[in-house]
Amino acid sequence: MNKSNPPCEDPVSAHITIQRPCRQTIPGHEGLFYAHYCTKIKGIRQKDGSSLLIRRCSMDKLTDIPTHCGQFQLDDDLYHGCIATCSKDWCNTGDRPSVSVRMLTLCLLTLSYTVIL
């Protein structure tokens, strides 16, 4: 809540620990079961402007589409934001630069190797 866990904010830090295996309970069943989805809920609470960011694994998709943005209710509060659901690690990490650091490093190494020869 209100950016109280900076490594979890967008873009998510590569240094946070991913919970593996991610397991949850199923109502009416005993024990823990492997989750199939990653879910991110990110929004601004309408009544006071505080921010919310939740990253969880889940047994079910929260929506039928990968990302839903707009108004949603959580507990008794209204939020404006997005709910994203996907089926692999790091798939709902937020905005990323258009050029990856790896690609930029590879290009620079190739360029420096070419100049040296």
PDB file of N, CA and C in Angstrom:
ATOM      1  N   MET A   1       0.840  -1.168   0.000  1.00  0.00           N
ATOM      2  CA  MET A   1       0.000   0.000   0.000  1.00  0.00           C
ATOM      3  C   MET A   1       0.892   1.239   0.000  1.00  0.00           C
ATOM      4  N   ASN A   2       0.595   2.177  -0.840  1.00  0.00           N
ATOM      5  CA  ASN A   2       1.331   3.441  -0.923  1.00  0.00           C
ATOM      6  C   ASN A   2       2.835   3.245  -1.072  1.00  0.00           C
ATOM      7  N   LYS A   3       3.217   2.317  -1.942  1.00  0.00           N
ATOM      8  CA  LYS A   3       4.623   2.062  -2.285  1.00  0.00           C
ATOM      9  C   LYS A   3       5.460   1.658  -1.067  1.00  0.00           C
ATOM     10  N   SER A   4       4.842   0.914  -0.138  1.00  0.00           N
ATOM     11  CA  SER A   4       5.542   0.495   1.078  1.00  0.00           C
ATOM     12  C   SER A   4       6.548  -0.631   0.823  1.00  0.00           C
ATOM     13  N   ASN A   5       6.499  -1.268  -0.356  1.00  0.00           N
ATOM     14  CA  ASN A   5       7.455  -2.322  -0.710  1.00  0.00           C
ATOM     15  C   ASN A   5       8.049  -1.978  -2.076  1.00  0.00           C
ATOM     16  N   PRO A   6       9.023  -1.042  -2.135  1.00  0.00           N
ATOM     17  CA  PRO A   6       9.551  -0.552  -3.416  1.00  0.00           C
ATOM     18  C   PRO A   6      10.009  -1.634  -4.396  1.00  0.00           C
ATOM     19  N   PRO A   7      10.659  -2.733  -3.976  1.00  0.00           N
ATOM     20  CA  PRO A   7      11.063  -3.734  -4.967  1.00  0.00           C
ATOM     21  C   PRO A   7       9.884  -4.378  -5.708  1.00  0.00           C
ATOM     22  N   CYS A   8       8.700  -4.315  -5.129  1.00  0.00           N
ATOM     23  CA  CYS A   8       7.515  -4.917  -5.744  1.00  0.00           C
ATOM     24  C   CYS A   8       6.837  -3.971  -6.740  1.00  0.00           C
ATOM     25  N   GLU A   9       7.174  -2.689  -6.682  1.00  0.00           N
ATOM     26  CA  GLU A   9       6.548  -1.706  -7.571  1.00  0.00           C
ATOM     27  C   GLU A   9       7.000  -1.911  -9.013  1.00  0.00           C
ATOM     28  N   ASP A  10       6.313  -1.273  -9.946  1.00  0.00           N
ATOM     29  CA  ASP A  10       6.677  -1.341 -11.368  1.00  0.00           C
ATOM     30  C   ASP A  10       7.797  -0.376 -11.675  1.00  0.00           C
ATOM     31  N   PRO A  11       8.788  -0.744 -12.469  1.00  0.00           N
ATOM     32  CA  PRO A  11       9.042  -2.128 -12.853  1.00  0.00           C
ATOM     33  C   PRO A  11       9.559  -2.900 -11.650  1.00  0.00           C
ATOM     34  N   VAL A  12       9.131  -4.140 -11.549  1.00  0.00           N
ATOM     35  CA  VAL A  12       9.481  -4.974 -10.399  1.00  0.00           C
ATOM     36  C   VAL A  12      10.987  -5.236 -10.391  1.00  0.00           C
ATOM     37  N   SER A  13      11.558  -5.246  -9.209  1.00  0.00           N
ATOM     38  CA  SER A  13      12.993  -5.490  -9.064  1.00  0.00           C
ATOM     39  C   SER A  13      13.311  -6.952  -9.358  1.00  0.00           C
ATOM     40  N   ALA A  14      14.388  -7.188 -10.061  1.00  0.00           N
ATOM     41  CA  ALA A  14      14.829  -8.557 -10.338  1.00  0.00           C
ATOM     42  C   ALA A  14      15.384  -9.222  -9.083  1.00  0.00           C
ATOM     43  N   HIS A  15      15.540  -8.462  -8.011  1.00  0.00           N
ATOM     44  CA  HIS A  15      16.117  -8.997  -6.785  1.00  0.00           C
ATOM     45  C   HIS A  15      15.074  -9.533  -5.814  1.00  0.00           C
ATOM     46  N   ILE A  16      13.780  -9.397  -6.135  1.00  0.00           N
ATOM     47  CA  ILE A  16      12.789  -9.936  -5.214  1.00  0.00           C
ATOM     48  C   ILE A  16      12.713 -11.448  -5.388  1.00  0.00           C
ATOM     49  N   THR A  17      12.326 -12.119  -4.343  1.00  0.00           N
ATOM     50  CA  THR A  17      12.233 -13.571  -4.367  1.00  0.00           C
ATOM     51  C   THR A  17      10.868 -13.988  -4.886  1.00  0.00           C
ATOM     52  N   ILE A  18      10.867 -14.855  -5.891  1.00  0.00           N
ATOM     53  CA  ILE A  18       9.616 -15.405  -6.388  1.00  0.00           C
ATOM     54  C   ILE A  18       9.263 -16.593  -5.514  1.00  0.00           C
ATOM     55  N   GLN A  19       8.032 -16.638  -5.067  1.00  0.00           N
ATOM     56  CA  GLN A  19       7.583 -17.729  -4.219  1.00  0.00           C
ATOM     57  C   GLN A  19       7.425 -18.983  -5.083  1.00  0.00           C
ATOM     58  N   ARG A  20       8.299 -19.971  -4.863  1.00  0.00           N
ATOM     59  CA  ARG A  20       8.236 -21.221  -5.625  1.00  0.00           C
ATOM     60  C   ARG A  20       8.240 -22.390  -4.667  1.00  0.00           C
ATOM     61  N   PRO A  21       7.517 -23.410  -4.837  1.00  0.00           N
ATOM     62  CA  PRO A  21       6.356 -23.395  -5.711  1.00  0.00           C
ATOM     63  C   PRO A  21       5.255 -22.579  -5.056  1.00  0.00           C
ATOM     64  N   CYS A  22       4.469 -21.923  -5.852  1.00  0.00           N
ATOM     65  CA  CYS A  22       3.374 -21.117  -5.329  1.00  0.00           C
ATOM     66  C   CYS A  22       2.157 -22.031  -5.175  1.00  0.00           C
ATOM     67  N   ARG A  23       1.756 -22.230  -3.938  1.00  0.00           N
ATOM     68  CA  ARG A  23       0.646 -23.144  -3.679  1.00  0.00           C
ATOM     69  C   ARG A  23      -0.408 -22.455  -2.834  1.00  0.00           C
ATOM     70  N   GLN A  24      -1.648 -22.874  -3.031  1.00  0.00           N
ATOM     71  CA  GLN A  24      -2.762 -22.276  -2.313  1.00  0.00           C
ATOM     72  C   GLN A  24      -3.767 -23.339  -1.898  1.00  0.00           C
ATOM     73  N   THR A  25      -4.640 -22.934  -1.002  1.00  0.00           N
ATOM     74  CA  THR A  25      -5.728 -23.820  -0.611  1.00  0.00           C
ATOM     75  C   THR A  25      -6.863 -23.714  -1.620  1.00  0.00           C
ATOM     76  N   ILE A  26      -7.683 -24.736  -1.675  1.00  0.00           N
ATOM     77  CA  ILE A  26      -8.902 -24.724  -2.484  1.00  0.00           C
ATOM     78  C   ILE A  26     -10.052 -24.980  -1.521  1.00  0.00           C
ATOM     79  N   PRO A  27     -11.065 -24.102  -1.530  1.00  0.00           N
ATOM     80  CA  PRO A  27     -12.197 -24.307  -0.620  1.00  0.00           C
ATOM     81  C   PRO A  27     -12.798 -25.714  -0.794  1.00  0.00           C
ATOM     82  N   GLY A  28     -13.029 -26.385   0.326  1.00  0.00           N
ATOM     83  CA  GLY A  28     -13.615 -27.716   0.296  1.00  0.00           C
ATOM     84  C   GLY A  28     -12.610 -28.838   0.118  1.00  0.00           C
ATOM     85  N   HIS A  29     -11.316 -28.499  -0.002  1.00  0.00           N
ATOM     86  CA  HIS A  29     -10.274 -29.507  -0.161  1.00  0.00           C
ATOM     87  C   HIS A  29      -9.235 -29.337   0.945  1.00  0.00           C
ATOM     88  N   GLU A  30      -8.540 -30.405   1.234  1.00  0.00           N
ATOM     89  CA  GLU A  30      -7.520 -30.362   2.268  1.00  0.00           C
ATOM     90  C   GLU A  30      -6.144 -30.275   1.631  1.00  0.00           C
ATOM     91  N   GLY A  31      -5.276 -29.453   2.180  1.00  0.00           N
ATOM     92  CA  GLY A  31      -3.910 -29.338   1.685  1.00  0.00           C
ATOM     93  C   GLY A  31      -3.707 -28.156   0.760  1.00  0.00           C
ATOM     94  N   LEU A  32      -2.498 -28.098   0.182  1.00  0.00           N
ATOM     95  CA  LEU A  32      -2.124 -27.015  -0.727  1.00  0.00           C
ATOM     96  C   LEU A  32      -1.995 -27.559  -2.142  1.00  0.00           C
ATOM     97  N   PHE A  33      -2.352 -26.721  -3.113  1.00  0.00           N
ATOM     98  CA  PHE A  33      -2.324 -27.107  -4.515  1.00  0.00           C
ATOM     99  C   PHE A  33      -1.526 -26.084  -5.303  1.00  0.00           C
ATOM    100  N   TYR A  34      -0.873 -26.543  -6.383  1.00  0.00           N
ATOM    101  CA  TYR A  34      -0.065 -25.647  -7.201  1.00  0.00           C
ATOM    102  C   TYR A  34      -0.942 -24.624  -7.912  1.00  0.00           C
ATOM    103  N   ALA A  35      -0.566 -23.368  -7.810  1.00  0.00           N
ATOM    104  CA  ALA A  35      -1.292 -22.294  -8.494  1.00  0.00           C
ATOM    105  C   ALA A  35      -0.903 -22.287  -9.971  1.00  0.00           C
ATOM    106  N   HIS A  36      -1.800 -21.797 -10.804  1.00  0.00           N
ATOM    107  CA  HIS A  36      -1.583 -21.798 -12.248  1.00  0.00           C
ATOM    108  C   HIS A  36      -1.384 -20.408 -12.836  1.00  0.00           C
ATOM    109  N   TYR A  37      -1.678 -19.364 -12.081  1.00  0.00           N
ATOM    110  CA  TYR A  37      -1.664 -18.015 -12.634  1.00  0.00           C
ATOM    111  C   TYR A  37      -0.931 -17.042 -11.717  1.00  0.00           C
ATOM    112  N   CYS A  38      -0.379 -16.010 -12.328  1.00  0.00           N
ATOM    113  CA  CYS A  38       0.168 -14.860 -11.613  1.00  0.00           C
ATOM    114  C   CYS A  38      -0.845 -13.731 -11.793  1.00  0.00           C
ATOM    115  N   THR A  39      -1.132 -13.018 -10.734  1.00  0.00           N
ATOM    116  CA  THR A  39      -2.105 -11.935 -10.792  1.00  0.00           C
ATOM    117  C   THR A  39      -1.494 -10.675 -10.203  1.00  0.00           C
ATOM    118  N   LYS A  40      -1.731  -9.559 -10.878  1.00  0.00           N
ATOM    119  CA  LYS A  40      -1.312  -8.258 -10.355  1.00  0.00           C
ATOM    120  C   LYS A  40      -2.537  -7.355 -10.327  1.00  0.00           C
ATOM    121  N   ILE A  41      -2.782  -6.753  -9.180  1.00  0.00           N
ATOM    122  CA  ILE A  41      -3.855  -5.773  -9.029  1.00  0.00           C
ATOM    123  C   ILE A  41      -3.185  -4.467  -8.653  1.00  0.00           C
ATOM    124  N   LYS A  42      -3.374  -3.455  -9.484  1.00  0.00           N
ATOM    125  CA  LYS A  42      -2.743  -2.160  -9.246  1.00  0.00           C
ATOM    126  C   LYS A  42      -3.792  -1.079  -9.434  1.00  0.00           C
ATOM    127  N   GLY A  43      -3.929  -0.204  -8.426  1.00  0.00           N
ATOM    128  CA  GLY A  43      -4.932   0.838  -8.540  1.00  0.00           C
ATOM    129  C   GLY A  43      -4.741   1.965  -7.550  1.00  0.00           C
ATOM    130  N   ILE A  44      -5.539   2.997  -7.759  1.00  0.00           N
ATOM    131  CA  ILE A  44      -5.579   4.164  -6.876  1.00  0.00           C
ATOM    132  C   ILE A  44      -6.958   4.196  -6.224  1.00  0.00           C
ATOM    133  N   ARG A  45      -6.991   4.231  -4.892  1.00  0.00           N
ATOM    134  CA  ARG A  45      -8.265   4.269  -4.172  1.00  0.00           C
ATOM    135  C   ARG A  45      -8.924   5.621  -4.381  1.00  0.00           C
ATOM    136  N   GLN A  46     -10.184   5.597  -4.787  1.00  0.00           N
ATOM    137  CA  GLN A  46     -10.874   6.831  -5.141  1.00  0.00           C
ATOM    138  C   GLN A  46     -11.100   7.754  -3.957  1.00  0.00           C
ATOM    139  N   LYS A  47     -11.348   7.221  -2.770  1.00  0.00           N
ATOM    140  CA  LYS A  47     -11.701   8.095  -1.650  1.00  0.00           C
ATOM    141  C   LYS A  47     -10.534   8.907  -1.105  1.00  0.00           C
ATOM    142  N   ASP A  48      -9.287   8.414  -1.260  1.00  0.00           N
ATOM    143  CA  ASP A  48      -8.170   9.170  -0.689  1.00  0.00           C
ATOM    144  C   ASP A  48      -6.917   9.215  -1.569  1.00  0.00           C
ATOM    145  N   GLY A  49      -6.949   8.579  -2.742  1.00  0.00           N
ATOM    146  CA  GLY A  49      -5.811   8.642  -3.659  1.00  0.00           C
ATOM    147  C   GLY A  49      -4.641   7.748  -3.285  1.00  0.00           C
ATOM    148  N   SER A  50      -4.809   6.874  -2.290  1.00  0.00           N
ATOM    149  CA  SER A  50      -3.704   5.986  -1.927  1.00  0.00           C
ATOM    150  C   SER A  50      -3.552   4.889  -2.980  1.00  0.00           C
ATOM    151  N   SER A  51      -2.303   4.440  -3.146  1.00  0.00           N
ATOM    152  CA  SER A  51      -2.027   3.437  -4.178  1.00  0.00           C
ATOM    153  C   SER A  51      -2.050   2.034  -3.581  1.00  0.00           C
ATOM    154  N   LEU A  52      -2.359   1.073  -4.438  1.00  0.00           N
ATOM    155  CA  LEU A  52      -2.420  -0.322  -4.053  1.00  0.00           C
ATOM    156  C   LEU A  52      -1.721  -1.141  -5.124  1.00  0.00           C
ATOM    157  N   LEU A  53      -0.875  -2.071  -4.722  1.00  0.00           N
ATOM    158  CA  LEU A  53      -0.250  -3.002  -5.661  1.00  0.00           C
ATOM    159  C   LEU A  53      -0.169  -4.360  -4.978  1.00  0.00           C
ATOM    160  N   ILE A  54      -0.836  -5.342  -5.576  1.00  0.00           N
ATOM    161  CA  ILE A  54      -0.841  -6.704  -5.050  1.00  0.00           C
ATOM    162  C   ILE A  54      -0.342  -7.627  -6.148  1.00  0.00           C
ATOM    163  N   ARG A  55       0.654  -8.434  -5.840  1.00  0.00           N
ATOM    164  CA  ARG A  55       1.131  -9.484  -6.754  1.00  0.00           C
ATOM    165  C   ARG A  55       0.935 -10.805  -6.023  1.00  0.00           C
ATOM    166  N   ARG A  56       0.192 -11.714  -6.649  1.00  0.00           N
ATOM    167  CA  ARG A  56      -0.126 -12.990  -6.021  1.00  0.00           C
ATOM    168  C   ARG A  56      -0.166 -14.097  -7.056  1.00  0.00           C
ATOM    169  N   CYS A  57       0.009 -15.296  -6.604  1.00  0.00           N
ATOM    170  CA  CYS A  57      -0.292 -16.431  -7.467  1.00  0.00           C
ATOM    171  C   CYS A  57      -1.731 -16.833  -7.148  1.00  0.00           C
ATOM    172  N   SER A  58      -2.384 -17.468  -8.109  1.00  0.00           N
ATOM    173  CA  SER A  58      -3.774 -17.843  -7.882  1.00  0.00           C
ATOM    174  C   SER A  58      -4.118 -19.118  -8.640  1.00  0.00           C
ATOM    175  N   MET A  59      -5.155 -19.756  -8.196  1.00  0.00           N
ATOM    176  CA  MET A  59      -5.637 -20.970  -8.842  1.00  0.00           C
ATOM    177  C   MET A  59      -6.465 -20.637 -10.082  1.00  0.00           C
ATOM    178  N   ASP A  60      -7.092 -19.473 -10.084  1.00  0.00           N
ATOM    179  CA  ASP A  60      -8.001 -19.094 -11.161  1.00  0.00           C
ATOM    180  C   ASP A  60      -7.618 -17.750 -11.742  1.00  0.00           C
ATOM    181  N   LYS A  61      -7.977 -17.553 -13.007  1.00  0.00           N
ATOM    182  CA  LYS A  61      -7.838 -16.230 -13.606  1.00  0.00           C
ATOM    183  C   LYS A  61      -8.919 -15.346 -12.999  1.00  0.00           C
ATOM    184  N   LEU A  62      -8.593 -14.092 -12.749  1.00  0.00           N
ATOM    185  CA  LEU A  62      -9.592 -13.179 -12.199  1.00  0.00           C
ATOM    186  C   LEU A  62     -10.506 -12.626 -13.282  1.00  0.00           C
ATOM    187  N   THR A  63     -10.039 -12.621 -14.517  1.00  0.00           N
ATOM    188  CA  THR A  63     -10.843 -12.133 -15.636  1.00  0.00           C
ATOM    189  C   THR A  63     -10.617 -13.045 -16.831  1.00  0.00           C
ATOM    190  N   ASP A  64     -11.468 -12.940 -17.838  1.00  0.00           N
ATOM    191  CA  ASP A  64     -11.318 -13.752 -19.047  1.00  0.00           C
ATOM    192  C   ASP A  64     -10.324 -13.166 -20.032  1.00  0.00           C
ATOM    193  N   ILE A  65      -9.897 -11.932 -19.799  1.00  0.00           N
ATOM    194  CA  ILE A  65      -8.909 -11.300 -20.668  1.00  0.00           C
ATOM    195  C   ILE A  65      -7.629 -11.102 -19.861  1.00  0.00           C
ATOM    196  N   PRO A  66      -6.457 -11.072 -20.533  1.00  0.00           N
ATOM    197  CA  PRO A  66      -5.193 -10.974 -19.789  1.00  0.00           C
ATOM    198  C   PRO A  66      -5.096  -9.742 -18.887  1.00  0.00           C
ATOM    199  N   THR A  67      -5.589  -8.602 -19.353  1.00  0.00           N
ATOM    200  CA  THR A  67      -5.525  -7.374 -18.561  1.00  0.00           C
ATOM    201  C   THR A  67      -6.842  -6.629 -18.676  1.00  0.00           C
ATOM    202  N   HIS A  68      -7.349  -6.203 -17.539  1.00  0.00           N
ATOM    203  CA  HIS A  68      -8.569  -5.398 -17.512  1.00  0.00           C
ATOM    204  C   HIS A  68      -8.252  -4.118 -16.762  1.00  0.00           C
ATOM    205  N   CYS A  69      -8.496  -2.988 -17.383  1.00  0.00           N
ATOM    206  CA  CYS A  69      -8.251  -1.698 -16.737  1.00  0.00           C
ATOM    207  C   CYS A  69      -9.559  -0.927 -16.627  1.00  0.00           C
ATOM    208  N   GLY A  70      -9.685  -0.182 -15.557  1.00  0.00           N
ATOM    209  CA  GLY A  70     -10.888   0.608 -15.323  1.00  0.00           C
ATOM    210  C   GLY A  70     -11.162   0.692 -13.835  1.00  0.00           C
ATOM    211  N   GLN A  71     -12.429   0.749 -13.484  1.00  0.00           N
ATOM    212  CA  GLN A  71     -12.836   0.861 -12.094  1.00  0.00           C
ATOM    213  C   GLN A  71     -13.140  -0.534 -11.549  1.00  0.00           C
ATOM    214  N   PHE A  72     -12.679  -0.803 -10.312  1.00  0.00           N
ATOM    215  CA  PHE A  72     -12.991  -2.075  -9.673  1.00  0.00           C
ATOM    216  C   PHE A  72     -13.151  -1.859  -8.178  1.00  0.00           C
ATOM    217  N   GLN A  73     -13.834  -2.801  -7.530  1.00  0.00           N
ATOM    218  CA  GLN A  73     -14.072  -2.719  -6.097  1.00  0.00           C
ATOM    219  C   GLN A  73     -13.303  -3.828  -5.401  1.00  0.00           C
ATOM    220  N   LEU A  74     -12.621  -3.466  -4.332  1.00  0.00           N
ATOM    221  CA  LEU A  74     -11.886  -4.416  -3.511  1.00  0.00           C
ATOM    222  C   LEU A  74     -12.269  -4.129  -2.071  1.00  0.00           C
ATOM    223  N   ASP A  75     -12.739  -5.131  -1.383  1.00  0.00           N
ATOM    224  CA  ASP A  75     -13.353  -4.947  -0.072  1.00  0.00           C
ATOM    225  C   ASP A  75     -14.491  -3.940  -0.246  1.00  0.00           C
ATOM    226  N   ASP A  76     -14.499  -2.847   0.489  1.00  0.00           N
ATOM    227  CA  ASP A  76     -15.570  -1.857   0.339  1.00  0.00           C
ATOM    228  C   ASP A  76     -15.106  -0.602  -0.380  1.00  0.00           C
ATOM    229  N   ASP A  77     -13.909  -0.622  -0.970  1.00  0.00           N
ATOM    230  CA  ASP A  77     -13.350   0.568  -1.605  1.00  0.00           C
ATOM    231  C   ASP A  77     -13.361   0.453  -3.125  1.00  0.00           C
ATOM    232  N   LEU A  78     -13.589   1.599  -3.788  1.00  0.00           N
ATOM    233  CA  LEU A  78     -13.511   1.678  -5.240  1.00  0.00           C
ATOM    234  C   LEU A  78     -12.113   2.115  -5.645  1.00  0.00           C
ATOM    235  N   TYR A  79     -11.565   1.471  -6.674  1.00  0.00           N
ATOM    236  CA  TYR A  79     -10.240   1.772  -7.203  1.00  0.00           C
ATOM    237  C   TYR A  79     -10.340   2.020  -8.697  1.00  0.00           C
ATOM    238  N   HIS A  80      -9.384   2.778  -9.214  1.00  0.00           N
ATOM    239  CA  HIS A  80      -9.211   2.920 -10.654  1.00  0.00           C
ATOM    240  C   HIS A  80      -7.821   2.383 -10.955  1.00  0.00           C
ATOM    241  N   GLY A  81      -7.753   1.376 -11.831  1.00  0.00           N
ATOM    242  CA  GLY A  81      -6.462   0.770 -12.127  1.00  0.00           C
ATOM    243  C   GLY A  81      -6.609  -0.424 -13.035  1.00  0.00           C
ATOM    244  N   CYS A  82      -5.721  -1.408 -12.878  1.00  0.00           N
ATOM    245  CA  CYS A  82      -5.699  -2.573 -13.764  1.00  0.00           C
ATOM    246  C   CYS A  82      -5.549  -3.864 -12.969  1.00  0.00           C
ATOM    247  N   ILE A  83      -6.126  -4.922 -13.524  1.00  0.00           N
ATOM    248  CA  ILE A  83      -5.968  -6.273 -13.017  1.00  0.00           C
ATOM    249  C   ILE A  83      -5.386  -7.094 -14.159  1.00  0.00           C
ATOM    250  N   ALA A  84      -4.229  -7.699 -13.938  1.00  0.00           N
ATOM    251  CA  ALA A  84      -3.566  -8.491 -14.979  1.00  0.00           C
ATOM    252  C   ALA A  84      -3.397  -9.922 -14.485  1.00  0.00           C
ATOM    253  N   THR A  85      -3.673 -10.875 -15.354  1.00  0.00           N
ATOM    254  CA  THR A  85      -3.520 -12.289 -15.040  1.00  0.00           C
ATOM    255  C   THR A  85      -2.724 -12.954 -16.148  1.00  0.00           C
ATOM    256  N   CYS A  86      -1.762 -13.791 -15.782  1.00  0.00           N
ATOM    257  CA  CYS A  86      -0.968 -14.493 -16.786  1.00  0.00           C
ATOM    258  C   CYS A  86      -0.531 -15.836 -16.220  1.00  0.00           C
ATOM    259  N   SER A  87       0.152 -16.635 -17.021  1.00  0.00           N
ATOM    260  CA  SER A  87       0.446 -18.004 -16.597  1.00  0.00           C
ATOM    261  C   SER A  87       1.936 -18.331 -16.498  1.00  0.00           C
ATOM    262  N   LYS A  88       2.794 -17.325 -16.298  1.00  0.00           N
ATOM    263  CA  LYS A  88       4.217 -17.597 -16.112  1.00  0.00           C
ATOM    264  C   LYS A  88       4.835 -16.517 -15.226  1.00  0.00           C
ATOM    265  N   ASP A  89       6.013 -16.783 -14.680  1.00  0.00           N
ATOM    266  CA  ASP A  89       6.694 -15.818 -13.820  1.00  0.00           C
ATOM    267  C   ASP A  89       7.073 -14.567 -14.597  1.00  0.00           C
ATOM    268  N   TRP A  90       7.033 -13.431 -13.931  1.00  0.00           N
ATOM    269  CA  TRP A  90       7.471 -12.135 -14.448  1.00  0.00           C
ATOM    270  C   TRP A  90       6.635 -11.622 -15.618  1.00  0.00           C
ATOM    271  N   CYS A  91       5.457 -12.156 -15.830  1.00  0.00           N
ATOM    272  CA  CYS A  91       4.676 -11.743 -16.996  1.00  0.00           C
ATOM    273  C   CYS A  91       3.811 -10.526 -16.720  1.00  0.00           C
ATOM    274  N   ASN A  92       3.662 -10.107 -15.488  1.00  0.00           N
ATOM    275  CA  ASN A  92       2.864  -8.915 -15.200  1.00  0.00           C
ATOM    276  C   ASN A  92       3.700  -7.900 -14.428  1.00  0.00           C
ATOM    277  N   THR A  93       4.902  -7.668 -14.934  1.00  0.00           N
ATOM    278  CA  THR A  93       5.871  -6.852 -14.205  1.00  0.00           C
ATOM    279  C   THR A  93       5.738  -5.365 -14.457  1.00  0.00           C
ATOM    280  N   GLY A  94       4.870  -4.947 -15.334  1.00  0.00           N
ATOM    281  CA  GLY A  94       4.713  -3.522 -15.586  1.00  0.00           C
ATOM    282  C   GLY A  94       5.487  -3.079 -16.801  1.00  0.00           C
ATOM    283  N   ASP A  95       5.619  -1.768 -16.947  1.00  0.00           N
ATOM    284  CA  ASP A  95       6.274  -1.193 -18.115  1.00  0.00           C
ATOM    285  C   ASP A  95       7.757  -1.501 -18.105  1.00  0.00           C
ATOM    286  N   ARG A  96       8.283  -1.775 -19.288  1.00  0.00           N
ATOM    287  CA  ARG A  96       9.709  -2.003 -19.455  1.00  0.00           C
ATOM    288  C   ARG A  96      10.190  -1.124 -20.598  1.00  0.00           C
ATOM    289  N   PRO A  97      11.455  -0.749 -20.571  1.00  0.00           N
ATOM    290  CA  PRO A  97      11.992   0.019 -21.698  1.00  0.00           C
ATOM    291  C   PRO A  97      11.863  -0.787 -22.986  1.00  0.00           C
ATOM    292  N   SER A  98      11.750  -0.090 -24.119  1.00  0.00           N
ATOM    293  CA  SER A  98      11.549  -0.787 -25.386  1.00  0.00           C
ATOM    294  C   SER A  98      12.787  -1.565 -25.819  1.00  0.00           C
ATOM    295  N   VAL A  99      13.958  -1.146 -25.388  1.00  0.00           N
ATOM    296  CA  VAL A  99      15.186  -1.870 -25.710  1.00  0.00           C
ATOM    297  C   VAL A  99      15.679  -2.517 -24.421  1.00  0.00           C
ATOM    298  N   SER A 100      15.877  -3.810 -24.455  1.00  0.00           N
ATOM    299  CA  SER A 100      16.304  -4.495 -23.239  1.00  0.00           C
ATOM    300  C   SER A 100      17.776  -4.210 -22.955  1.00  0.00           C
ATOM    301  N   VAL A 101      18.147  -4.317 -21.704  1.00  0.00           N
ATOM    302  CA  VAL A 101      19.531  -4.102 -21.291  1.00  0.00           C
ATOM    303  C   VAL A 101      20.428  -5.154 -21.937  1.00  0.00           C
ATOM    304  N   ARG A 102      19.965  -6.391 -22.026  1.00  0.00           N
ATOM    305  CA  ARG A 102      20.768  -7.447 -22.657  1.00  0.00           C
ATOM    306  C   ARG A 102      21.048  -7.131 -24.120  1.00  0.00           C
ATOM    307  N   MET A 103      20.023  -6.673 -24.836  1.00  0.00           N
ATOM    308  CA  MET A 103      20.201  -6.365 -26.254  1.00  0.00           C
ATOM    309  C   MET A 103      21.177  -5.202 -26.419  1.00  0.00           C
ATOM    310  N   LEU A 104      21.046  -4.186 -25.588  1.00  0.00           N
ATOM    311  CA  LEU A 104      21.949  -3.040 -25.656  1.00  0.00           C
ATOM    312  C   LEU A 104      23.382  -3.476 -25.351  1.00  0.00           C
ATOM    313  N   THR A 105      23.577  -4.311 -24.340  1.00  0.00           N
ATOM    314  CA  THR A 105      24.907  -4.816 -24.003  1.00  0.00           C
ATOM    315  C   THR A 105      25.493  -5.625 -25.152  1.00  0.00           C
ATOM    316  N   LEU A 106      24.690  -6.489 -25.754  1.00  0.00           N
ATOM    317  CA  LEU A 106      25.148  -7.290 -26.884  1.00  0.00           C
ATOM    318  C   LEU A 106      25.571  -6.403 -28.049  1.00  0.00           C
ATOM    319  N   CYS A 107      24.793  -5.373 -28.340  1.00  0.00           N
ATOM    320  CA  CYS A 107      25.140  -4.451 -29.430  1.00  0.00           C
ATOM    321  C   CYS A 107      26.449  -3.721 -29.143  1.00  0.00           C
ATOM    322  N   LEU A 108      26.617  -3.262 -27.907  1.00  0.00           N
ATOM    323  CA  LEU A 108      27.846  -2.550 -27.544  1.00  0.00           C
ATOM    324  C   LEU A 108      29.061  -3.473 -27.603  1.00  0.00           C
ATOM    325  N   LEU A 109      28.913  -4.711 -27.144  1.00  0.00           N
ATOM    326  CA  LEU A 109      30.020  -5.665 -27.220  1.00  0.00           C
ATOM    327  C   LEU A 109      30.382  -5.980 -28.668  1.00  0.00           C
ATOM    328  N   THR A 110      29.387  -6.150 -29.503  1.00  0.00           N
ATOM    329  CA  THR A 110      29.633  -6.419 -30.923  1.00  0.00           C
ATOM    330  C   THR A 110      30.328  -5.242 -31.576  1.00  0.00           C
ATOM    331  N   LEU A 111      29.873  -4.043 -31.273  1.00  0.00           N
ATOM    332  CA  LEU A 111      30.473  -2.835 -31.836  1.00  0.00           C
ATOM    333  C   LEU A 111      31.918  -2.686 -31.371  1.00  0.00           C
ATOM    334  N   SER A 112      32.185  -2.893 -30.087  1.00  0.00           N
ATOM    335  CA  SER A 112      33.553  -2.754 -29.582  1.00  0.00           C
ATOM    336  C   SER A 112      34.460  -3.842 -30.160  1.00  0.00           C
ATOM    337  N   TYR A 113      33.957  -5.050 -30.348  1.00  0.00           N
ATOM    338  CA  TYR A 113      34.736  -6.131 -30.947  1.00  0.00           C
ATOM    339  C   TYR A 113      35.083  -5.795 -32.392  1.00  0.00           C
ATOM    340  N   THR A 114      34.125  -5.238 -33.125  1.00  0.00           N
ATOM    341  CA  THR A 114      34.341  -4.862 -34.524  1.00  0.00           C
ATOM    342  C   THR A 114      35.372  -3.746 -34.638  1.00  0.00           C
ATOM    343  N   VAL A 115      35.320  -2.771 -33.734  1.00  0.00           N
ATOM    344  CA  VAL A 115      36.253  -1.643 -33.759  1.00  0.00           C
ATOM    345  C   VAL A 115      37.665  -2.116 -33.429  1.00  0.00           C
ATOM    346  N   ILE A 116      37.812  -3.053 -32.512  1.00  0.00           N
ATOM    347  CA  ILE A 116      39.126  -3.564 -32.118  1.00  0.00           C
ATOM    348  C   ILE A 116      39.782  -4.310 -33.271  1.00  0.00           C
ATOM    349  N   LEU A 117      39.012  -5.067 -34.029  1.00  0.00           N
ATOM    350  CA  LEU A 117      39.571  -5.824 -35.147  1.00  0.00           C
ATOM    351  C   LEU A 117      39.845  -4.871 -36.266  1.00  0.00           C
TER     352      LEU A 117
END
